[in-house]
């Protein structure tokens, strides 16, 4: 019996038992779909994080207290406004420096209220961290020096607090204190899981009074260009190292942030793929069980074929091809379903999903391999049946 004939016989057997074959294929479909979908979610998360970091700019340094690790509790900061001023003097024209502190606060206006992130910043923040102004103006040095109670709203914060009303020169309340709105920021979208459009910016000194602290959470340093970034980092390390010691802070470039985040997301994607792989394993066990049932039901057919001259390898190949065809069909349907669901998730839900070619190819390849691995035992059992005993089976 040729391979083409084996495939034809396998398809005939599958059509003859549509319900059983359909349930078998369903297990493989779910497994392959899970692999494609979960890997797409992991890849989508990586793309979102990468885009968020790249949006900060390739010539930006982030200075954080302690040893920086994603998922690690933040170290208590010792940075002060004096450090921002010292770095600005030392770096001169080579870079611009900004500082920030943040806290989740309930913000109210005469027309609405929202729980949002209130960020105290220095005057250069909008230039250093790319916050283009849509209307009005940003905070200036005088606002920082006098701790003036003024605020700049993100796009969605302005909509949530004032709806369609122009917020400029209107009042908001934060922590029981009134702040006058002097500007709004262009829509920015989300980055690193943070909705930048829902943020409210106030002078750093006013935020320190509001939060009851004297320190700064994070320093941002933007170099004149990427080529000068190493020299800027050395100056920052020297200035801060003299005061705190080199182990008390971390200086991170775009590449380093992407490296840390990438390792975490790669692990996440691998874990998701492994979880989905369990579904494929369960589907493979289902294929093996169904093929064993098929061998039992078709014992007389096998005996007749062997009595007419079919050899053991041909019988074995027939059942093995049947298992592979079942898993191949399941793999194609599962891949198509996974791609479709990934598109739906990315398009209509907050979950990012980005289908990768390697995950589709891997999932389909594994589904075929499942057919081979879990089809071998039933196929060998069918091929080894004694024709006389098989023909006598009721």
Protein backbone atom coordinates (compact mmCIF):
# COMPACT_ATOMS: atom_id res chain seq x y z
CA UNK A 1 0.00 0.00 0.00
CA UNK A 2 1.46 3.36 -1.06
CA UNK A 3 1.58 6.41 1.21
CA UNK A 4 -1.10 8.12 -0.88
CA UNK A 5 -3.34 5.08 -0.47
CA UNK A 6 -2.67 5.12 3.30
CA UNK A 7 -3.82 8.75 3.45
CA UNK A 8 -6.94 7.95 1.43
CA UNK A 9 -7.84 5.04 3.72
CA UNK A 10 -7.16 7.22 6.79
CA UNK A 11 -9.49 9.97 5.51
CA UNK A 12 -12.17 7.38 4.73
CA UNK A 13 -11.93 6.01 8.29
CA UNK A 14 -12.12 9.56 9.71
CA UNK A 15 -15.23 10.37 7.68
CA UNK A 16 -16.84 7.08 8.73
CA UNK A 17 -16.54 8.11 12.40
CA UNK A 18 -17.22 11.85 12.21
CA UNK A 19 -18.26 12.44 15.82
CA UNK A 20 -15.38 10.51 17.32
CA UNK A 21 -12.91 12.09 14.92
CA UNK A 22 -14.33 15.55 15.62
CA UNK A 23 -13.92 15.16 19.37
CA UNK A 24 -10.36 13.93 18.86
CA UNK A 25 -9.53 16.88 16.62
CA UNK A 26 -11.12 19.27 19.16
CA UNK A 27 -8.55 18.36 21.80
CA UNK A 28 -5.71 19.18 19.40
CA UNK A 29 -7.46 22.38 18.24
CA UNK A 30 -7.68 23.63 21.84
CA UNK A 31 -4.02 22.81 22.49
CA UNK A 32 -2.68 24.52 19.35
CA UNK A 33 -5.02 27.48 19.78
CA UNK A 34 -3.81 27.94 23.37
CA UNK A 35 -0.16 27.92 22.31
CA UNK A 36 -0.69 30.48 19.54
CA UNK A 37 -2.92 32.73 21.64
CA UNK A 38 -0.83 32.74 24.84
CA UNK A 39 2.45 33.24 22.98
CA UNK A 40 0.76 36.10 21.07
CA UNK A 41 -0.22 37.70 24.39
CA UNK A 42 3.35 37.37 25.68
CA UNK A 43 4.76 38.83 22.44
CA UNK A 44 2.20 41.63 22.53
CA UNK A 45 3.20 42.54 26.07
CA UNK A 46 6.84 42.63 24.99
CA UNK A 47 6.00 44.90 22.05
CA UNK A 48 4.06 47.29 24.32
CA UNK A 49 6.92 47.50 26.83
CA UNK A 50 9.49 47.97 24.06
CA UNK A 51 7.45 50.74 22.45
CA UNK A 52 6.98 52.44 25.82
CA UNK A 53 10.71 52.41 26.58
CA UNK A 54 11.68 53.51 23.06
CA UNK A 55 9.18 56.36 23.32
CA UNK A 56 11.27 57.78 26.14
CA UNK A 57 14.12 58.27 23.69
CA UNK A 58 17.46 56.58 23.10
CA UNK A 59 19.38 59.43 24.76
CA UNK A 60 17.56 59.30 28.10
CA UNK A 61 19.01 58.01 31.37
CA UNK A 62 16.83 56.99 34.32
CA UNK A 63 18.43 57.28 37.77
CA UNK A 64 16.64 55.22 40.41
CA UNK A 65 17.49 54.67 44.10
CA UNK A 66 19.04 51.33 45.06
CA UNK A 67 19.33 48.38 42.68
CA UNK A 68 16.68 48.57 40.00
CA UNK A 69 14.71 45.39 39.20
CA UNK A 70 11.25 45.01 37.64
CA UNK A 71 8.84 43.56 40.16
CA UNK A 72 11.10 44.47 43.10
CA UNK A 73 9.84 46.77 45.83
CA UNK A 74 11.29 50.28 45.34
CA UNK A 75 14.19 51.36 47.53
CA UNK A 76 13.66 54.40 49.74
CA UNK A 77 15.01 57.39 47.85
CA UNK A 78 17.58 59.85 49.18
CA UNK A 79 17.57 62.15 46.15
CA UNK A 80 16.68 65.80 46.73
CA UNK A 81 16.05 68.87 44.61
CA UNK A 82 19.65 69.83 45.35
CA UNK A 83 20.84 66.79 43.41
CA UNK A 84 18.90 67.98 40.35
CA UNK A 85 20.56 71.40 40.62
CA UNK A 86 24.05 69.90 41.15
CA UNK A 87 23.72 67.61 38.15
CA UNK A 88 22.43 70.47 35.99
CA UNK A 89 25.48 72.58 36.90
CA UNK A 90 27.97 69.75 36.33
CA UNK A 91 26.49 68.63 33.02
CA UNK A 92 26.01 72.15 31.65
CA UNK A 93 24.89 72.09 28.02
CA UNK A 94 25.54 68.36 27.63
CA UNK A 95 22.26 67.31 29.23
CA UNK A 96 19.04 68.41 30.90
CA UNK A 97 17.95 67.03 34.25
CA UNK A 98 14.48 66.58 35.76
CA UNK A 99 13.15 65.01 38.93
CA UNK A 100 9.78 63.59 39.90
CA UNK A 101 7.74 62.16 42.77
CA UNK A 102 4.35 60.51 42.39
CA UNK A 103 1.40 59.38 44.46
CA UNK A 104 -2.10 58.12 43.73
CA UNK A 105 -4.58 60.78 44.85
CA UNK A 106 -8.26 61.58 44.59
CA UNK A 107 -8.61 64.66 42.38
CA UNK A 108 -11.84 66.66 42.28
CA UNK A 109 -13.22 69.51 40.23
CA UNK A 110 -16.57 71.30 40.20
CA UNK A 111 -17.81 68.91 37.49
CA UNK A 112 -16.13 65.57 38.25
CA UNK A 113 -13.69 63.49 40.28
CA UNK A 114 -11.11 60.77 39.56
CA UNK A 115 -8.46 58.75 41.36
CA UNK A 116 -5.30 59.41 39.40
CA UNK A 117 -1.53 59.73 39.60
CA UNK A 118 -0.40 63.13 40.86
CA UNK A 119 3.21 63.78 39.86
CA UNK A 120 5.43 66.48 41.25
CA UNK A 121 8.00 67.53 38.64
CA UNK A 122 10.66 70.12 37.95
CA UNK A 123 10.37 72.76 35.23
CA UNK A 124 12.41 70.84 32.63
CA UNK A 125 10.34 67.69 32.95
CA UNK A 126 8.28 68.22 29.80
CA UNK A 127 11.43 68.57 27.66
CA UNK A 128 13.37 65.75 29.31
CA UNK A 129 10.59 63.13 29.31
CA UNK A 130 8.70 64.28 26.20
CA UNK A 131 5.41 65.77 27.41
CA UNK A 132 4.29 68.17 24.63
CA UNK A 133 1.80 70.81 25.75
CA UNK A 134 -1.58 70.91 24.00
CA UNK A 135 -2.96 74.11 25.55
CA UNK A 136 -1.77 76.67 28.04
CA UNK A 137 1.72 76.33 29.48
CA UNK A 138 3.82 73.99 31.61
CA UNK A 139 5.31 74.65 35.03
CA UNK A 140 8.20 77.13 35.21
CA UNK A 141 11.10 77.77 37.58
CA UNK A 142 9.09 80.35 39.53
CA UNK A 143 6.36 77.76 40.18
CA UNK A 144 8.98 75.37 41.59
CA UNK A 145 10.74 78.02 43.69
CA UNK A 146 7.51 79.25 45.32
CA UNK A 147 5.69 75.89 45.45
CA UNK A 148 2.81 77.55 43.64
CA UNK A 149 -0.41 75.56 43.58
CA UNK A 150 -0.83 75.19 39.83
CA UNK A 151 -1.42 72.04 37.77
CA UNK A 152 -1.10 70.65 34.25
CA UNK A 153 -3.53 67.88 33.25
CA UNK A 154 -3.10 64.85 31.03
CA UNK A 155 -5.62 64.49 28.18
CA UNK A 156 -7.89 61.89 29.81
CA UNK A 157 -7.54 63.53 33.24
CA UNK A 158 -8.84 66.77 31.73
CA UNK A 159 -11.78 64.95 30.11
CA UNK A 160 -12.61 63.04 33.29
CA UNK A 161 -12.55 66.13 35.50
CA UNK A 162 -14.08 68.70 33.16
CA UNK A 163 -15.71 66.81 30.29
CA UNK A 164 -15.88 69.07 27.25
CA UNK A 165 -15.28 72.25 29.28
CA UNK A 166 -12.00 74.12 28.78
CA UNK A 167 -10.03 73.41 32.01
CA UNK A 168 -7.58 76.30 31.70
CA UNK A 169 -7.81 78.70 34.68
CA UNK A 170 -10.28 76.41 36.47
CA UNK A 171 -9.70 74.84 39.89
CA UNK A 172 -9.05 71.26 41.01
CA UNK A 173 -8.73 69.94 44.56
CA UNK A 174 -5.96 67.54 45.61
CA UNK A 175 -5.59 66.48 49.24
CA UNK A 176 -7.92 69.28 50.35
CA UNK A 177 -5.85 71.97 48.56
CA UNK A 178 -6.96 73.96 45.54
CA UNK A 179 -4.79 74.08 42.40
CA UNK A 180 -5.31 76.27 39.34
CA UNK A 181 -5.06 74.50 35.96
CA UNK A 182 -2.59 76.27 33.67
CA UNK A 183 -2.21 73.73 30.85
CA UNK A 184 -3.01 70.37 29.31
CA UNK A 185 -0.69 67.76 27.76
CA UNK A 186 -1.06 66.20 24.31
CA UNK A 187 -2.51 62.65 24.31
CA UNK A 188 0.36 60.20 24.89
CA UNK A 189 -1.24 56.77 25.42
CA UNK A 190 0.11 54.09 27.76
CA UNK A 191 3.72 53.10 28.37
CA UNK A 192 5.06 50.33 30.61
CA UNK A 193 1.51 49.69 31.80
CA UNK A 194 0.97 53.32 32.89
CA UNK A 195 -1.74 55.52 31.38
CA UNK A 196 0.19 58.75 30.88
CA UNK A 197 -2.95 60.61 29.81
CA UNK A 198 -4.54 60.29 33.26
CA UNK A 199 -1.69 62.00 35.10
CA UNK A 200 -1.79 65.39 36.85
CA UNK A 201 1.46 67.41 37.10
CA UNK A 202 2.17 69.89 39.88
CA UNK A 203 5.38 71.67 41.00
CA UNK A 204 7.76 69.25 42.72
CA UNK A 205 8.05 71.47 45.80
CA UNK A 206 4.25 71.70 46.09
CA UNK A 207 4.06 67.90 45.80
CA UNK A 208 6.64 67.50 48.58
CA UNK A 209 4.48 69.60 50.88
CA UNK A 210 1.36 67.72 49.81
CA UNK A 211 2.93 64.28 50.38
CA UNK A 212 4.87 65.31 53.48
CA UNK A 213 8.32 64.35 52.15
CA UNK A 214 11.59 66.09 51.21
CA UNK A 215 12.99 63.58 48.71
CA UNK A 216 12.59 62.82 44.98
CA UNK A 217 11.66 59.38 43.63
CA UNK A 218 13.44 59.41 40.28
CA UNK A 219 15.88 61.51 38.27
CA UNK A 220 15.75 61.77 34.47
CA UNK A 221 18.76 62.90 32.45
CA UNK A 222 18.49 63.55 28.71
CA UNK A 223 21.78 63.81 26.86
CA UNK A 224 22.34 66.04 23.85
CA UNK A 225 22.70 62.92 21.71
CA UNK A 226 23.16 59.16 22.05
CA UNK A 227 26.91 59.33 21.36
CA UNK A 228 27.50 61.50 24.45
CA UNK A 229 25.39 59.33 26.74
CA UNK A 230 28.30 57.34 28.19
CA UNK A 231 30.07 60.54 29.22
CA UNK A 232 26.88 61.90 30.75
CA UNK A 233 26.39 58.66 32.71
CA UNK A 234 29.96 58.88 34.05
CA UNK A 235 29.35 62.45 35.26
CA UNK A 236 26.07 61.43 36.95
CA UNK A 237 27.79 58.49 38.63
CA UNK A 238 30.64 60.69 39.83
CA UNK A 239 28.39 63.45 41.23
CA UNK A 240 25.92 61.13 42.97
CA UNK A 241 28.60 58.62 43.99
CA UNK A 242 30.43 61.26 46.03
CA UNK A 243 27.28 61.86 48.06
CA UNK A 244 25.59 58.46 48.29
CA UNK A 245 28.07 55.79 47.25
CA UNK A 246 27.83 53.82 43.99
CA UNK A 247 25.63 51.08 45.53
CA UNK A 248 22.86 53.50 46.52
CA UNK A 249 21.54 54.22 43.02
CA UNK A 250 21.20 52.71 39.54
CA UNK A 251 21.69 54.42 36.19
CA UNK A 252 19.68 52.81 33.40
CA UNK A 253 19.74 53.51 29.68
CA UNK A 254 17.06 52.49 27.20
CA UNK A 255 18.98 49.34 26.25
CA UNK A 256 19.39 48.28 29.89
CA UNK A 257 15.71 48.82 30.67
CA UNK A 258 14.76 46.81 27.57
CA UNK A 259 17.20 44.06 28.59
CA UNK A 260 15.71 43.70 32.08
CA UNK A 261 12.12 43.87 30.82
CA UNK A 262 12.93 41.52 27.92
CA UNK A 263 14.26 38.80 30.19
CA UNK A 264 11.14 38.95 32.35
CA UNK A 265 8.80 38.90 29.35
CA UNK A 266 10.72 36.06 27.69
CA UNK A 267 10.25 34.01 30.84
CA UNK A 268 6.56 34.96 30.93
CA UNK A 269 6.09 33.91 27.29
CA UNK A 270 7.87 30.61 27.94
CA UNK A 271 5.67 29.89 30.96
CA UNK A 272 2.52 30.71 28.98
CA UNK A 273 3.66 28.44 26.14
CA UNK A 274 4.42 25.62 28.61
CA UNK A 275 0.96 25.97 30.17
CA UNK A 276 -0.61 25.84 26.71
CA UNK A 277 1.58 22.84 25.87
CA UNK A 278 -0.21 20.88 28.60
CA UNK A 279 -3.38 21.20 26.49
CA UNK A 280 -1.52 19.67 23.57
CA UNK A 281 -0.34 16.82 25.79
CA UNK A 282 -3.92 16.16 26.89
CA UNK A 283 -4.99 16.26 23.25
CA UNK A 284 -2.29 13.72 22.39
CA UNK A 285 -3.51 11.36 25.08
CA UNK A 286 -6.99 11.71 23.62
CA UNK A 287 -5.63 10.80 20.16
CA UNK A 288 -3.96 7.70 21.58
CA UNK A 289 -7.13 6.60 23.37
CA UNK A 290 -9.31 7.10 20.29
CA UNK A 291 -6.85 5.21 18.09
CA UNK A 292 -6.79 2.30 20.55
CA UNK A 293 -10.60 2.20 20.43
CA UNK A 294 -10.43 2.32 16.66
CA UNK A 295 -8.04 -0.64 16.58
CA UNK A 296 -10.40 -2.65 18.80
CA UNK A 297 -13.43 -1.83 16.66
CA UNK A 298 -11.68 -2.61 13.40
CA UNK A 299 -10.01 -5.85 14.46
CA UNK A 300 -11.88 -7.89 11.83
CA UNK A 301 -10.97 -5.34 9.15
CA UNK A 302 -7.31 -5.63 10.12
CA UNK A 303 -7.49 -9.43 10.06
CA UNK A 304 -9.11 -9.38 6.60
CA UNK A 305 -6.44 -7.01 5.24
CA UNK A 306 -3.65 -9.19 6.61
CA UNK A 307 -5.33 -12.32 5.24
CA UNK A 308 -5.39 -10.65 1.79
CA UNK A 309 -1.67 -9.97 1.95
CA UNK A 310 -1.26 -6.69 3.79
CA UNK A 311 2.01 -6.70 5.69
CA UNK A 312 2.54 -5.58 9.28
CA UNK A 313 4.37 -2.33 8.29
CA UNK A 314 1.49 -1.37 5.97
CA UNK A 315 -1.15 -1.84 8.71
CA UNK A 316 1.03 0.08 11.15
CA UNK A 317 1.51 2.91 8.64
CA UNK A 318 -2.24 3.08 7.94
CA UNK A 319 -3.11 3.74 11.59
CA UNK A 320 -0.12 6.02 12.13
CA UNK A 321 -1.11 8.13 9.12
CA UNK A 322 -4.66 8.30 10.46
CA UNK A 323 -3.38 9.72 13.78
CA UNK A 324 -1.13 12.21 11.97
CA UNK A 325 -3.98 13.36 9.71
CA UNK A 326 -6.24 13.90 12.73
CA UNK A 327 -3.58 15.96 14.50
CA UNK A 328 -2.67 17.82 11.29
CA UNK A 329 -6.28 18.88 10.77
CA UNK A 330 -6.51 19.88 14.42
CA UNK A 331 -3.25 21.82 14.10
CA UNK A 332 -4.47 23.82 11.10
CA UNK A 333 -7.83 24.60 12.71
CA UNK A 334 -6.17 25.43 16.04
CA UNK A 335 -3.63 27.76 14.41
CA UNK A 336 -6.36 29.57 12.48
CA UNK A 337 -8.51 29.89 15.62
CA UNK A 338 -5.56 31.13 17.69
CA UNK A 339 -4.69 33.77 15.09
CA UNK A 340 -8.32 34.90 14.96
CA UNK A 341 -8.69 35.12 18.73
CA UNK A 342 -5.36 36.98 18.99
CA UNK A 343 -6.63 39.57 16.53
CA UNK A 344 -9.91 39.93 18.44
CA UNK A 345 -8.06 40.28 21.78
CA UNK A 346 -5.69 42.91 20.41
CA UNK A 347 -8.40 44.81 18.56
CA UNK A 348 -11.30 44.77 21.00
CA UNK A 349 -9.81 44.22 24.50
CA UNK A 350 -7.07 45.86 26.60
CA UNK A 351 -4.96 42.69 26.22
CA UNK A 352 -2.11 43.22 23.72
CA UNK A 353 -1.55 40.31 21.33
CA UNK A 354 0.96 39.95 18.53
CA UNK A 355 1.01 36.71 16.54
CA UNK A 356 4.49 35.45 15.68
CA UNK A 357 5.22 33.13 12.78
CA UNK A 358 7.46 30.90 14.86
CA UNK A 359 4.71 30.20 17.41
CA UNK A 360 2.25 29.16 14.66
CA UNK A 361 4.85 26.94 12.98
CA UNK A 362 5.92 25.46 16.33
CA UNK A 363 2.35 24.76 17.44
CA UNK A 364 1.47 23.07 14.13
CA UNK A 365 4.73 21.10 14.13
CA UNK A 366 4.12 19.94 17.69
CA UNK A 367 0.57 18.89 16.78
CA UNK A 368 1.91 16.68 13.97
CA UNK A 369 4.58 15.33 16.33
CA UNK A 370 1.82 14.53 18.83
CA UNK A 371 0.13 12.48 16.11
CA UNK A 372 3.35 10.55 15.51
CA UNK A 373 4.23 10.01 19.17
CA UNK A 374 0.77 9.12 20.44
CA UNK A 375 -0.16 7.20 17.32
CA UNK A 376 2.81 4.84 17.37
CA UNK A 377 1.56 2.48 20.09
CA UNK A 378 -1.97 1.98 18.66
CA UNK A 379 -0.51 1.59 15.16
CA UNK A 380 2.04 -0.99 16.28
CA UNK A 381 -0.67 -2.84 18.18
CA UNK A 382 -2.81 -2.95 15.02
CA UNK A 383 0.11 -4.15 12.89
CA UNK A 384 0.98 -7.00 15.27
CA UNK A 385 -2.51 -8.53 15.38
CA UNK A 386 -2.61 -12.17 14.34
CA UNK A 387 -4.89 -12.44 11.25
CA UNK A 388 -6.51 -15.71 12.39
CA UNK A 389 -7.28 -14.33 15.86
CA UNK A 390 -8.49 -11.04 14.33
CA UNK A 391 -10.89 -12.80 11.95
CA UNK A 392 -12.36 -14.84 14.78
CA UNK A 393 -13.07 -11.66 16.86
CA UNK A 394 -16.80 -10.89 17.14
